Every structure is written in C-alpha cells, then in structure tokens.
Amino acid sequence: MSLTTHTVEVILKNKYDDNFLKFRKDTGCDVIIDLSQMDPIYKDFGCMNFSHTDYMYYMEPDERDVCFIMGAGASYANGLLLQNEIIPHFFNSDDKYLTNSSVYITIKKFLEKYFTPNFKNNIYPTLEQIYAFIEYHIQNHKSLNSEYNYDMMIKIKKMLNLLLYYIIITSRNETGNNSYFNFWEKVVNINRNISIITMNYDTDLEDNFDHFFFNKALIDYKVDFINYRKCNPSEWWDDASKPISLPLMRSGSYEPVPIKILKIHGSLNWKYCDCCDNVLLAFFNRNIDLDKMAFLEDESAEVNPYKLSSTKCPIDGNELSQLIIPPSHFKDFYRISIDELNKAKKICFIGYSFPDADFHIKALLNKINMDDKEVYCVNPSISDNTTEAYLNICRNIKFRYVGFEEYINSKDFIDLLS
C-alpha cells in the first residue's frame, strides 16, 4: 500500500478516536483506514514514506477535559515576582543600571506625583491602577496636563512596558522550581485535551514547553503571528491552528496535538506593529538599552536563526512596541475563552486571586454556567475577599490550599487530568 501521493488528514474527534486515518487521494476520493487492522509497522508514521506535501488536520473536540486558568501564583512557583511585588521592587531596587537610567527617573517622577506611594508603611500603587490611569487618557485621547500631554502619556506607557519587561527578566529568584516543566510532562503523558487561559505576561509556561513540541504537542496562541509568513517552515513556527506538515512527525509520534494558550493580557515576547496591526512572536531578548528605550538586536543564529528583527516590523519596517496590554482587536481572546470554558468539563484556577482591575475576567466567568462542571481553585493562601469572589461564580467550587508545585505532584492533579 503506497501512501506517497496522498494528501493526509488525521481526524481526531476525541482522545479515544486515534485509530482512524482519513486519506484523501489527489483525485478527491476519500479512503477510510482503520489503523487497528493495519500491520503494526505501518502505524508509526516514521516508517511510512510520506511526501513533503502531506498535511495533518485536527478537528476541535466537542468537549474539553480541563481548562486551566492561571494567575501570578503559577509563575511565582518558578521564581518570578508576583504582580503586587513589581512596583515595590521598582522603588527599592539596588540595580544601578536601572535606577540611573532616564526611563527609570521619568517613571519614578510620574508615579510619585500621581500615586504618592507611602514608603514608610510599604503602601504602593498596583500595576492595574497605574495602567488603568494611563489607558484612560490614551483611549480617550486626553492630555493629563501640559507636562503629560497625549503623546507623553503614550510614551509613559511604552516606558512602563519596557521597565516591566526588564524587571521581570532580571529579578528571577533562581531558587524557583520547574513547576511548568512538571506540569507539561504530566499533561502530555496523561491527557492533552486541555486548554490554558493565563493572565501572566512572562514566558515561563512556553519556555518549559520546548521538550514536548512537534512530537507531542504544539502551542496554539490563537494569534496570526508575522512569523508564520516571514519565517522558513520549521516546527517551532508552524501555525498550530492550520494544517500541520507531516515531516514534523518524529520520534514515532504522529499526534502533536495543538494546545491553546490564551494570554489575555499579552506577553513579554509579543511585539506589536501599529502600522500594519500585526504581531511578531519575538525571539527572547535580554539586551535592553534603557536610555534609548530600545531592544538591541541579537544576531546569534542560536538565538535568532531566521534573523528576524525584534525591533522593526518585517512587513513595513515600522518600529515594534512591547505588547503587554493588548489592543482592542485582541478582544477575540474573550470570545475564544468563553468557548473554551463552556465546553470544558473541568475548570482549574491556579494561583489566581481576582485582582480588582480584572473586572473583565469576572464578567467573562459570569457568562459561564458552572453548575454542571467540576471547578477547582489551587492556592496556598486565599483571602476572604478572594474566597467570596470564587463562591460568587461557583457555589460548588473545591479549594485546594497548596502551591502549584505541590499540586501537580499530587494524586489530585492526576485525577483532574484522568
């Protein structure tokens, strides 16, 4: 049986339906093959001679086994700062490169003037309060005053984004564990029919995914990145929402399941072009010139094999900006999130505490009927207000008062995925 001239569609209606392949010949005629009746040697795509034009398709499952909603507590286990620690860290930093920079001096002056932090009593504004204040003036095209006019407010936001990026990548506590790696290891070995909605800007979730991509799973951000059009074909840059080239199938695996990761608040490695309205998934860049408010290009082939600029749009050459708070067209995330939550049988919150500024998340969750779902909250320390917020969306929620690392190493987590 020769399959070299076929275009291939792998139809996985659910996680139990992986015995069936559907082959569409060049003539358009469909042939259904039951792999359970095939010689075992042919079940491994690595033993079959597919041409480079073959593609694999996946059907979205009608039900999602688990949808995870991750907050700052999930990344905290990996040694990153909590969001409410970032502004105190900013004011109390002993990093001279940071504190001597013109960007730091400008933002410090702005925050002290309009948010009056109380250093003596350790009272600081939250990131949500600061961004909401800035966004109000930008979205309404308003100036704050003659010093902080509309253009200056846009610049303040860009400065704050850059400082946030710098603080997050330079303040990691190296004693953090490998929680995300352990999370992915259990997911790919037990049940890949999951999705993730995360509030976090950092990239630790994805950075720990690279051991599993292309032969076990692919990331589907639900974003049409410039990379998909400007990079040469490769396993990392394949658009997981579209047909996947079968040469990706390696190590005896033929089911690299796309897993949705919806980054509601944007990401440190996403760069936005306000000219063509496109987003670049940037190669990780630690080289920052704070005074020039710029990322320095890293031409290393190991870091940037396709020489994609992390500062200029490859489509129109326009300067890229840090995409931490997403523009309005990212409201599609909310629609996709609602769909994922509606079809999930189980919902698991990890390290999320319902900050006041996340009113849009509260609105989103209140659109979901939680009564027919298993809902869990994993958090070692939950305030009364946070507990009440959870009970308001689901009266039957089950609380697990443990940290992320302890939870994913427990029987409870295995039961959740099973």
Protein backbone atom coordinates (compact mmCIF):
# COMPACT_ATOMS: atom_id res chain seq x y z
CA MET A 1 0.00 0.00 0.00
CA SER A 2 1.70 3.18 -1.18
CA LEU A 3 0.76 6.42 0.52
CA THR A 4 3.35 8.70 -1.01
CA THR A 5 0.97 10.51 -3.37
CA HIS A 6 -1.78 11.17 -0.83
CA THR A 7 -2.66 14.32 0.99
CA VAL A 8 -3.38 13.18 4.53
CA GLU A 9 -5.98 14.28 7.04
CA VAL A 10 -5.76 12.85 10.54
CA ILE A 11 -9.18 13.17 12.12
CA LEU A 12 -9.20 13.01 15.92
CA LYS A 13 -12.77 13.51 17.07
CA ASN A 14 -11.67 12.96 20.65
CA LYS A 15 -8.80 11.44 22.54
CA TYR A 16 -10.14 7.89 22.06
CA ASP A 17 -10.52 8.13 18.28
CA ASP A 18 -6.87 7.96 17.21
CA ASN A 19 -7.14 4.62 15.38
CA PHE A 20 -8.69 6.17 12.29
CA LEU A 21 -6.92 7.97 9.48
CA LYS A 22 -8.68 9.58 6.57
CA PHE A 23 -6.71 9.71 3.32
CA ARG A 24 -7.84 11.98 0.50
CA LYS A 25 -6.24 10.99 -2.78
CA ASP A 26 -5.26 13.51 -5.41
CA THR A 27 -8.49 12.66 -7.24
CA GLY A 28 -10.52 13.87 -4.26
CA CYS A 29 -11.78 10.39 -3.36
CA ASP A 30 -11.87 9.65 0.39
CA VAL A 31 -10.47 6.42 1.81
CA ILE A 32 -11.03 5.50 5.48
CA ILE A 33 -8.37 3.25 7.02
CA ASP A 34 -8.69 1.56 10.40
CA LEU A 35 -5.20 1.52 11.92
CA SER A 36 -6.21 -1.24 14.34
CA GLN A 37 -6.44 -3.58 11.33
CA MET A 38 -3.13 -2.41 9.82
CA ASP A 39 0.20 -4.13 10.19
CA PRO A 40 1.84 -2.57 13.28
CA ILE A 41 4.84 -1.39 11.31
CA TYR A 42 2.61 0.99 9.33
CA LYS A 43 1.09 2.55 12.45
CA ASP A 44 4.25 4.53 13.04
CA PHE A 45 4.39 7.43 10.59
CA GLY A 46 8.16 7.32 10.96
CA CYS A 47 8.08 4.04 8.99
CA MET A 48 5.93 5.44 6.17
CA ASN A 49 7.23 7.28 3.13
CA PHE A 50 5.12 10.44 3.10
CA SER A 51 5.95 13.21 0.69
CA HIS A 52 6.72 16.74 1.85
CA THR A 53 3.30 17.90 0.57
CA ASP A 54 1.30 15.84 3.09
CA TYR A 55 -0.54 17.65 5.87
CA MET A 56 -2.31 16.67 9.03
CA TYR A 57 -5.55 18.26 10.22
CA TYR A 58 -7.23 18.13 13.59
CA MET A 59 -10.87 18.57 14.41
CA GLU A 60 -11.63 20.56 17.53
CA PRO A 61 -13.08 18.26 20.21
CA ASP A 62 -16.70 18.87 21.16
CA GLU A 63 -15.66 18.78 24.82
CA ARG A 64 -12.54 20.00 26.59
CA ASP A 65 -11.50 17.79 29.50
CA VAL A 66 -9.80 20.57 31.51
CA CYS A 67 -9.43 24.31 31.09
CA PHE A 68 -6.75 25.84 33.33
CA ILE A 69 -6.93 29.48 34.39
CA MET A 70 -3.51 30.62 35.60
CA GLY A 71 -2.65 33.68 37.64
CA ALA A 72 0.57 35.12 39.01
CA GLY A 73 0.81 32.39 41.67
CA ALA A 74 1.60 29.81 38.99
CA SER A 75 4.68 31.70 37.77
CA TYR A 76 5.66 32.62 41.33
CA ALA A 77 6.46 28.96 41.94
CA ASN A 78 9.08 29.27 39.17
CA GLY A 79 10.84 32.12 40.96
CA LEU A 80 9.15 35.10 39.29
CA LEU A 81 7.78 38.14 41.10
CA LEU A 82 4.10 38.39 41.87
CA GLN A 83 2.44 41.35 40.16
CA ASN A 84 1.93 43.11 43.50
CA GLU A 85 5.69 42.82 44.14
CA ILE A 86 6.81 44.54 40.93
CA ILE A 87 6.18 48.17 41.92
CA PRO A 88 7.79 47.78 45.41
CA HIS A 89 10.74 46.14 43.65
CA PHE A 90 10.91 49.11 41.26
CA PHE A 91 11.14 51.68 44.07
CA ASN A 92 13.54 49.65 46.21
CA SER A 93 15.84 48.28 43.51
CA ASP A 94 19.61 48.40 44.04
CA ASP A 95 20.23 47.80 40.32
CA LYS A 96 22.27 50.89 39.39
CA TYR A 97 21.83 50.33 35.65
CA LEU A 98 18.09 50.51 36.21
CA THR A 99 17.94 53.39 38.72
CA ASN A 100 20.39 55.59 36.81
CA SER A 101 18.53 55.27 33.52
CA SER A 102 16.47 58.16 32.14
CA VAL A 103 13.47 55.83 31.74
CA TYR A 104 13.53 54.92 35.43
CA ILE A 105 13.89 58.55 36.52
CA THR A 106 10.96 59.63 34.31
CA ILE A 107 8.62 56.86 35.51
CA LYS A 108 9.62 57.31 39.16
CA LYS A 109 8.77 61.02 38.96
CA PHE A 110 5.41 60.22 37.31
CA LEU A 111 4.45 57.61 39.90
CA GLU A 112 5.48 59.71 42.88
CA LYS A 113 3.49 62.68 41.58
CA TYR A 114 0.22 60.90 40.77
CA PHE A 115 0.20 57.84 43.03
CA THR A 116 2.06 59.08 46.15
CA PRO A 117 3.49 55.77 47.41
CA ASN A 118 3.83 55.54 51.19
CA PHE A 119 7.34 54.12 51.61
CA LYS A 120 7.24 54.18 55.41
CA ASN A 121 4.15 51.96 55.57
CA ASN A 122 5.07 49.95 52.48
CA ILE A 123 1.99 51.07 50.53
CA TYR A 124 2.35 51.20 46.75
CA PRO A 125 0.01 51.52 43.76
CA THR A 126 -0.79 48.35 41.84
CA LEU A 127 0.15 47.78 38.23
CA GLU A 128 -3.56 47.60 37.42
CA GLN A 129 -4.18 51.06 38.91
CA ILE A 130 -1.24 52.57 37.03
CA TYR A 131 -2.16 51.08 33.67
CA ALA A 132 -5.85 51.96 34.09
CA PHE A 133 -4.90 55.59 34.77
CA ILE A 134 -2.64 55.77 31.70
CA GLU A 135 -5.05 53.88 29.45
CA TYR A 136 -7.92 56.23 30.36
CA HIS A 137 -6.05 59.18 28.83
CA ILE A 138 -4.81 57.25 25.80
CA GLN A 139 -8.14 55.61 24.94
CA ASN A 140 -9.99 58.93 25.31
CA HIS A 141 -7.24 60.87 23.53
CA LYS A 142 -6.84 63.17 26.53
CA SER A 143 -3.88 65.02 27.98
CA LEU A 144 -3.29 64.89 31.71
CA ASN A 145 -1.77 68.38 31.73
CA SER A 146 0.77 70.45 29.79
CA GLU A 147 3.64 68.25 31.00
CA TYR A 148 1.86 64.97 30.36
CA ASN A 149 0.00 65.58 27.12
CA TYR A 150 -1.48 62.81 24.97
CA ASP A 151 1.81 61.99 23.20
CA MET A 152 3.68 61.95 26.50
CA MET A 153 1.12 59.54 28.01
CA ILE A 154 1.78 57.15 25.12
CA LYS A 155 5.50 57.45 25.81
CA ILE A 156 4.93 56.85 29.54
CA LYS A 157 3.12 53.63 28.70
CA LYS A 158 5.97 52.47 26.44
CA MET A 159 8.49 53.29 29.17
CA LEU A 160 6.46 51.38 31.76
CA ASN A 161 6.17 48.37 29.44
CA LEU A 162 9.93 48.35 28.91
CA LEU A 163 10.66 48.65 32.63
CA LEU A 164 8.19 45.88 33.41
CA TYR A 165 9.94 43.63 30.89
CA TYR A 166 13.36 44.48 32.34
CA ILE A 167 12.30 43.93 35.97
CA ILE A 168 10.66 40.59 35.25
CA ILE A 169 13.66 39.14 33.38
CA THR A 170 16.26 40.44 35.86
CA SER A 171 14.54 39.73 39.18
CA ARG A 172 14.00 35.98 38.95
CA ASN A 173 14.67 34.06 42.13
CA GLU A 174 16.94 31.25 40.94
CA THR A 175 15.68 29.01 43.76
CA GLY A 176 12.41 28.63 41.85
CA ASN A 177 11.43 25.11 40.80
CA ASN A 178 10.46 23.51 37.49
CA SER A 179 6.72 23.59 38.08
CA TYR A 180 5.81 24.34 34.47
CA PHE A 181 8.06 21.56 33.13
CA ASN A 182 6.43 19.09 35.53
CA PHE A 183 3.02 20.41 34.50
CA TRP A 184 3.68 19.83 30.80
CA GLU A 185 5.24 16.41 31.42
CA LYS A 186 2.08 15.16 33.11
CA VAL A 187 -0.21 16.78 30.54
CA VAL A 188 1.49 15.17 27.52
CA ASN A 189 1.67 11.78 29.22
CA ILE A 190 -1.82 11.68 30.72
CA ASN A 191 -4.20 13.92 28.77
CA ARG A 192 -3.52 16.60 26.15
CA ASN A 193 -7.16 17.59 25.72
CA ILE A 194 -6.66 20.74 27.77
CA SER A 195 -6.53 24.49 27.21
CA ILE A 196 -4.95 27.31 29.22
CA ILE A 197 -6.10 30.86 29.90
CA THR A 198 -3.30 32.80 31.55
CA MET A 199 -3.14 36.32 33.00
CA ASN A 200 0.66 36.28 33.09
CA TYR A 201 2.97 38.31 30.84
CA ASP A 202 6.01 36.10 31.40
CA THR A 203 7.03 33.29 29.05
CA ASP A 204 7.93 30.56 31.57
CA LEU A 205 4.92 28.46 30.62
CA GLU A 206 6.07 28.33 26.99
CA ASP A 207 9.81 28.19 27.78
CA ASN A 208 9.25 24.87 29.54
CA PHE A 209 7.24 23.52 26.61
CA ASP A 210 10.13 23.07 24.17
CA HIS A 211 10.90 19.50 25.33
CA PHE A 212 7.47 18.40 24.12
CA PHE A 213 6.72 20.35 20.95
CA PHE A 214 6.36 18.85 17.46
CA ASN A 215 6.17 15.20 18.53
CA LYS A 216 3.75 15.57 21.43
CA ALA A 217 2.05 18.95 21.17
CA LEU A 218 2.10 22.38 19.52
CA ILE A 219 1.22 25.75 21.01
CA ASP A 220 -1.82 27.47 19.54
CA TYR A 221 -1.90 31.08 20.78
CA LYS A 222 -4.86 31.93 18.51
CA VAL A 223 -2.79 34.81 17.15
CA ASP A 224 -1.80 35.14 13.48
CA PHE A 225 1.86 35.99 14.07
CA ILE A 226 4.02 37.59 11.38
CA ASN A 227 6.39 34.65 11.92
CA TYR A 228 4.03 32.28 10.13
CA ARG A 229 4.51 34.32 6.93
CA LYS A 230 8.09 35.52 7.30
CA CYS A 231 9.98 32.50 8.68
CA ASN A 232 11.06 29.49 6.67
CA PRO A 233 8.94 26.43 7.52
CA SER A 234 10.04 24.87 10.79
CA GLU A 235 8.42 23.01 13.63
CA TRP A 236 8.54 25.93 16.06
CA TRP A 237 6.87 28.44 13.74
CA ASP A 238 4.14 26.18 12.35
CA ASP A 239 0.70 27.71 12.84
CA ALA A 240 -0.96 25.11 15.04
CA SER A 241 -4.44 26.31 14.02
CA LYS A 242 -3.78 25.32 10.41
CA PRO A 243 -2.81 22.05 8.67
CA ILE A 244 0.48 20.75 10.07
CA SER A 245 3.15 19.41 7.75
CA LEU A 246 3.72 15.71 8.32
CA PRO A 247 7.54 15.97 8.26
CA LEU A 248 7.07 17.31 11.77
CA MET A 249 6.17 13.81 12.86
CA ARG A 250 9.25 12.43 14.58
CA SER A 251 10.30 10.02 17.31
CA GLY A 252 7.50 7.63 16.44
CA SER A 253 4.77 10.12 17.27
CA TYR A 254 2.03 11.15 14.86
CA GLU A 255 -0.21 13.14 17.19
CA PRO A 256 1.26 16.56 18.01
CA VAL A 257 -1.98 17.92 19.48
CA PRO A 258 -2.46 21.72 19.31
CA ILE A 259 -2.92 23.14 22.82
CA LYS A 260 -4.49 26.57 23.17
CA ILE A 261 -2.65 29.09 25.37
CA LEU A 262 -4.70 32.27 25.59
CA LYS A 263 -2.60 35.11 27.03
CA ILE A 264 -5.36 37.54 27.93
CA HIS A 265 -3.01 40.35 28.97
CA GLY A 266 -0.44 39.89 26.20
CA SER A 267 3.10 38.60 26.52
CA LEU A 268 6.64 39.82 27.05
CA ASN A 269 7.76 38.23 23.78
CA TRP A 270 4.98 39.69 21.60
CA LYS A 271 5.81 42.84 19.61
CA TYR A 272 3.07 44.93 18.03
CA CYS A 273 3.21 46.99 14.82
CA ASP A 274 0.71 49.85 14.97
CA CYS A 275 1.17 50.43 11.24
CA CYS A 276 0.04 47.09 9.81
CA ASP A 277 -1.71 45.90 13.00
CA ASN A 278 0.33 42.69 13.11
CA VAL A 279 2.10 40.90 15.97
CA LEU A 280 5.57 39.35 15.97
CA LEU A 281 6.45 36.46 18.26
CA ALA A 282 9.93 37.72 19.13
CA PHE A 283 12.98 35.68 19.95
CA PHE A 284 13.74 36.13 23.62
CA ASN A 285 15.86 39.24 24.04
CA ARG A 286 17.60 40.27 27.26
CA ASN A 287 19.65 43.02 25.60
CA ILE A 288 17.92 46.26 26.56
CA ASP A 289 19.21 49.81 26.30
CA LEU A 290 17.00 51.58 28.85
CA ASP A 291 18.20 55.09 27.95
CA LYS A 292 17.48 54.56 24.24
CA MET A 293 14.25 52.73 25.10
CA ALA A 294 15.28 50.01 22.70
CA PHE A 295 15.99 46.30 22.43
CA LEU A 296 19.39 45.60 20.92
CA GLU A 297 19.39 43.12 18.09
CA ASP A 298 20.86 39.69 18.79
CA GLU A 299 22.24 38.31 15.55
CA SER A 300 23.26 34.99 17.08
CA ALA A 301 21.97 32.13 14.93
CA GLU A 302 21.34 30.14 18.09
CA VAL A 303 19.04 32.85 19.44
CA ASN A 304 17.58 34.11 16.15
CA PRO A 305 18.04 31.53 13.38
CA TYR A 306 15.90 33.46 10.86
CA LYS A 307 17.45 36.87 11.64
CA LEU A 308 14.01 38.36 12.33
CA SER A 309 14.35 41.82 13.80
CA SER A 310 12.88 42.18 17.29
CA THR A 311 12.70 45.96 16.90
CA LYS A 312 11.44 46.54 13.32
CA CYS A 313 8.37 45.11 11.63
CA PRO A 314 9.49 42.73 8.84
CA ILE A 315 6.47 43.80 6.77
CA ASP A 316 6.75 47.60 6.73
CA GLY A 317 9.87 48.45 8.78
CA ASN A 318 7.83 50.29 11.42
CA GLU A 319 9.17 50.28 14.99
CA LEU A 320 7.64 47.50 17.08
CA SER A 321 6.27 48.16 20.55
CA GLN A 322 6.04 45.86 23.55
CA LEU A 323 2.63 44.19 23.61
CA ILE A 324 1.82 43.77 27.30
CA ILE A 325 -1.61 45.34 27.45
CA PRO A 326 -3.24 44.19 24.20
CA PRO A 327 -5.04 46.46 21.73
CA SER A 328 -8.78 46.25 21.19
CA HIS A 329 -8.61 43.66 18.39
CA PHE A 330 -7.44 41.14 20.99
CA LYS A 331 -10.99 41.05 22.31
CA ASP A 332 -11.23 37.89 20.20
CA PHE A 333 -9.44 36.24 23.12
CA TYR A 334 -12.51 36.71 25.27
CA ARG A 335 -14.78 35.09 22.69
CA ILE A 336 -12.43 32.10 22.38
CA SER A 337 -12.07 31.93 26.17
CA ILE A 338 -15.85 31.77 26.61
CA ASP A 339 -16.00 28.93 24.07
CA GLU A 340 -13.22 27.02 25.87
CA LEU A 341 -14.85 27.47 29.28
CA ASN A 342 -18.29 26.48 28.01
CA LYS A 343 -17.09 23.18 26.56
CA ALA A 344 -14.77 22.34 29.48
CA LYS A 345 -15.89 19.54 31.80
CA LYS A 346 -13.45 20.71 34.47
CA ILE A 347 -12.07 24.17 35.24
CA CYS A 348 -8.99 24.61 37.42
CA PHE A 349 -7.81 28.00 38.72
CA ILE A 350 -4.13 28.07 39.70
CA GLY A 351 -2.64 30.98 41.64
CA TYR A 352 -5.35 33.46 40.64
CA SER A 353 -6.72 35.94 43.18
CA PHE A 354 -9.26 38.10 41.28
CA PRO A 355 -7.48 41.50 41.42
CA ASP A 356 -9.87 44.47 41.30
CA ALA A 357 -8.70 45.54 37.84
CA ASP A 358 -9.70 42.18 36.32
CA PHE A 359 -13.37 43.14 36.09
CA HIS A 360 -13.37 41.82 32.50
CA ILE A 361 -12.36 38.37 33.79
CA LYS A 362 -15.17 38.45 36.35
CA ALA A 363 -17.61 39.42 33.58
CA LEU A 364 -16.29 36.61 31.37
CA LEU A 365 -16.64 33.98 34.09
CA ASN A 366 -20.17 35.09 34.94
CA LYS A 367 -21.20 34.19 31.39
CA ILE A 368 -20.37 30.53 32.08
CA ASN A 369 -22.78 28.09 33.70
CA MET A 370 -20.52 26.45 36.28
CA ASP A 371 -23.23 24.28 37.85
CA ASP A 372 -22.58 21.29 35.58
CA LYS A 373 -18.78 21.48 35.84
CA GLU A 374 -16.12 20.40 38.29
CA VAL A 375 -14.40 23.61 39.43
CA TYR A 376 -11.19 23.76 41.48
CA CYS A 377 -9.11 26.55 42.99
CA VAL A 378 -5.43 25.84 43.78
CA ASN A 379 -3.88 28.47 46.02
CA PRO A 380 -1.96 28.08 49.30
CA SER A 381 -3.32 31.32 50.75
CA ILE A 382 -6.69 32.83 49.84
CA SER A 383 -8.16 35.96 51.39
CA ASP A 384 -11.79 36.20 52.45
CA ASN A 385 -12.49 38.56 49.54
CA THR A 386 -10.96 36.15 47.03
CA THR A 387 -12.89 33.24 48.52
CA GLU A 388 -16.12 35.21 48.17
CA ALA A 389 -15.26 36.09 44.56
CA TYR A 390 -14.85 32.39 43.76
CA LEU A 391 -18.07 31.43 45.51
CA ASN A 392 -19.91 34.10 43.53
CA ILE A 393 -19.07 32.34 40.26
CA CYS A 394 -19.45 28.78 41.57
CA ARG A 395 -21.01 27.69 44.84
CA ASN A 396 -19.66 24.14 44.41
CA ILE A 397 -16.02 25.06 43.89
CA LYS A 398 -13.44 22.84 45.61
CA PHE A 399 -10.47 24.60 47.22
CA ARG A 400 -7.01 23.07 47.34
CA TYR A 401 -4.85 25.06 49.79
CA VAL A 402 -1.49 24.06 48.29
CA GLY A 403 1.07 25.63 45.97
CA PHE A 404 1.36 24.91 42.25
CA GLU A 405 4.34 22.55 42.58
CA GLU A 406 2.79 20.52 45.38
CA TYR A 407 -0.49 20.25 43.50
CA ILE A 408 0.95 18.95 40.21
CA ASN A 409 2.87 16.27 42.14
CA SER A 410 -0.30 15.12 43.90
CA LYS A 411 -2.86 12.45 43.12
CA ASP A 412 -5.45 15.24 42.84
CA PHE A 413 -3.75 16.55 39.70
CA ILE A 414 -3.55 13.11 38.10
CA ASP A 415 -7.26 12.61 38.88
CA LEU A 416 -8.02 16.01 37.34
CA LEU A 417 -6.38 15.03 34.05
CA SER A 418 -7.78 11.50 34.00
